[in-house]
């Protein structure tokens, strides 16, 4: 979802309803916000809506957005999983 919409719409448009739904099921809103923030890492580095991605790709000779996405997704996915595990271990995100 983060790759389709921009950062502002993601946090100001999608986050409040998701927090409300999570609270209805007994999950703290801060936990929903933290996990959405961690999950946004993948889409920020791969999104075509982020100008810095195009700037960095423009500095490389034989790289386009498709090749960059194929190469980077697996590494960014692992980093996001490590961040979620770290957040749970450090107590930033609690499991109910």
Protein backbone atom coordinates (compact mmCIF):
# COMPACT_ATOMS: atom_id res chain seq x y z
CA UNK A 1 0.00 0.00 0.00
CA UNK A 2 2.85 2.37 0.77
CA UNK A 3 4.18 2.10 -2.78
CA UNK A 4 0.86 3.22 -4.28
CA UNK A 5 0.23 6.29 -2.14
CA UNK A 6 2.60 8.91 -0.84
CA UNK A 7 3.94 9.21 2.68
CA UNK A 8 1.48 11.89 3.80
CA UNK A 9 -1.54 9.95 2.61
CA UNK A 10 -0.13 6.80 4.21
CA UNK A 11 0.25 8.30 7.67
CA UNK A 12 -2.54 10.90 7.69
CA UNK A 13 -5.11 8.99 5.64
CA UNK A 14 -4.54 5.29 6.30
CA UNK A 15 -3.07 5.23 9.79
CA UNK A 16 -6.04 6.69 11.74
CA UNK A 17 -8.63 4.17 10.48
CA UNK A 18 -6.19 1.28 10.97
CA UNK A 19 -5.52 2.44 14.54
CA UNK A 20 -9.28 2.58 15.19
CA UNK A 21 -9.77 -0.95 13.86
CA UNK A 22 -6.86 -2.23 15.94
CA UNK A 23 -8.25 -0.59 19.07
CA UNK A 24 -11.61 -2.23 18.42
CA UNK A 25 -9.82 -5.60 18.56
CA UNK A 26 -7.89 -4.70 21.73
CA UNK A 27 -4.55 -3.77 20.15
CA UNK A 28 -2.91 -0.53 21.25
CA UNK A 29 -2.84 2.20 18.64
CA UNK A 30 0.86 2.87 19.27
CA UNK A 31 1.66 -0.72 18.30
CA UNK A 32 -0.23 -0.33 15.02
CA UNK A 33 1.57 2.95 14.32
CA UNK A 34 5.00 1.52 15.07
CA UNK A 35 4.48 -1.54 12.88
CA UNK A 36 3.21 0.64 10.02
CA UNK A 37 6.27 2.85 10.43
CA UNK A 38 8.59 -0.17 10.25
CA UNK A 39 6.70 -1.57 7.25
CA UNK A 40 7.04 1.72 5.42
CA UNK A 41 10.79 1.09 5.07
CA UNK A 42 10.31 -1.20 2.09
CA UNK A 43 8.04 1.16 0.22
CA UNK A 44 10.16 4.27 0.90
CA UNK A 45 13.19 2.71 -0.72
CA UNK A 46 11.31 1.24 -3.67
CA UNK A 47 8.44 3.63 -4.30
CA UNK A 48 8.27 5.53 -7.57
CA UNK A 49 6.70 8.39 -5.59
CA UNK A 50 9.95 9.18 -3.75
CA UNK A 51 12.16 11.60 -5.68
CA UNK A 52 15.32 10.46 -3.88
CA UNK A 53 14.93 7.01 -5.43
CA UNK A 54 14.99 8.48 -8.94
CA UNK A 55 17.90 10.74 -8.03
CA UNK A 56 19.95 7.80 -6.77
CA UNK A 57 19.03 5.66 -9.78
CA UNK A 58 19.96 8.51 -12.10
CA UNK A 59 23.49 8.49 -10.70
CA UNK A 60 23.95 4.85 -11.73
CA UNK A 61 24.63 3.81 -15.30
CA UNK A 62 22.66 0.59 -15.95
CA UNK A 63 19.96 0.69 -13.30
CA UNK A 64 16.24 1.33 -13.63
CA UNK A 65 13.44 1.19 -11.08
CA UNK A 66 12.39 -2.36 -12.01
CA UNK A 67 15.85 -3.86 -11.58
CA UNK A 68 16.35 -1.87 -8.39
CA UNK A 69 13.06 -3.19 -6.98
CA UNK A 70 13.86 -6.81 -7.86
CA UNK A 71 17.30 -6.60 -6.31
CA UNK A 72 16.50 -4.58 -3.18
CA UNK A 73 13.15 -6.03 -2.10
CA UNK A 74 14.55 -9.20 -0.53
CA UNK A 75 17.14 -7.27 1.48
CA UNK A 76 14.69 -4.59 2.60
CA UNK A 77 12.19 -7.29 3.59
CA UNK A 78 14.79 -8.97 5.81
CA UNK A 79 15.74 -5.62 7.36
CA UNK A 80 12.09 -4.87 8.13
CA UNK A 81 11.62 -8.30 9.74
CA UNK A 82 14.73 -7.72 11.87
CA UNK A 83 13.38 -4.31 12.87
CA UNK A 84 10.05 -5.82 13.95
CA UNK A 85 11.80 -8.54 15.97
CA UNK A 86 14.08 -5.91 17.55
CA UNK A 87 11.09 -3.72 18.39
CA UNK A 88 9.37 -6.66 20.08
CA UNK A 89 12.53 -7.64 22.01
CA UNK A 90 13.17 -4.06 23.13
CA UNK A 91 9.54 -3.59 24.15
CA UNK A 92 8.75 -0.85 21.64
CA UNK A 93 6.00 -3.05 20.17
CA UNK A 94 4.14 -5.32 22.57
CA UNK A 95 2.32 -8.48 21.71
CA UNK A 96 -1.13 -8.78 23.26
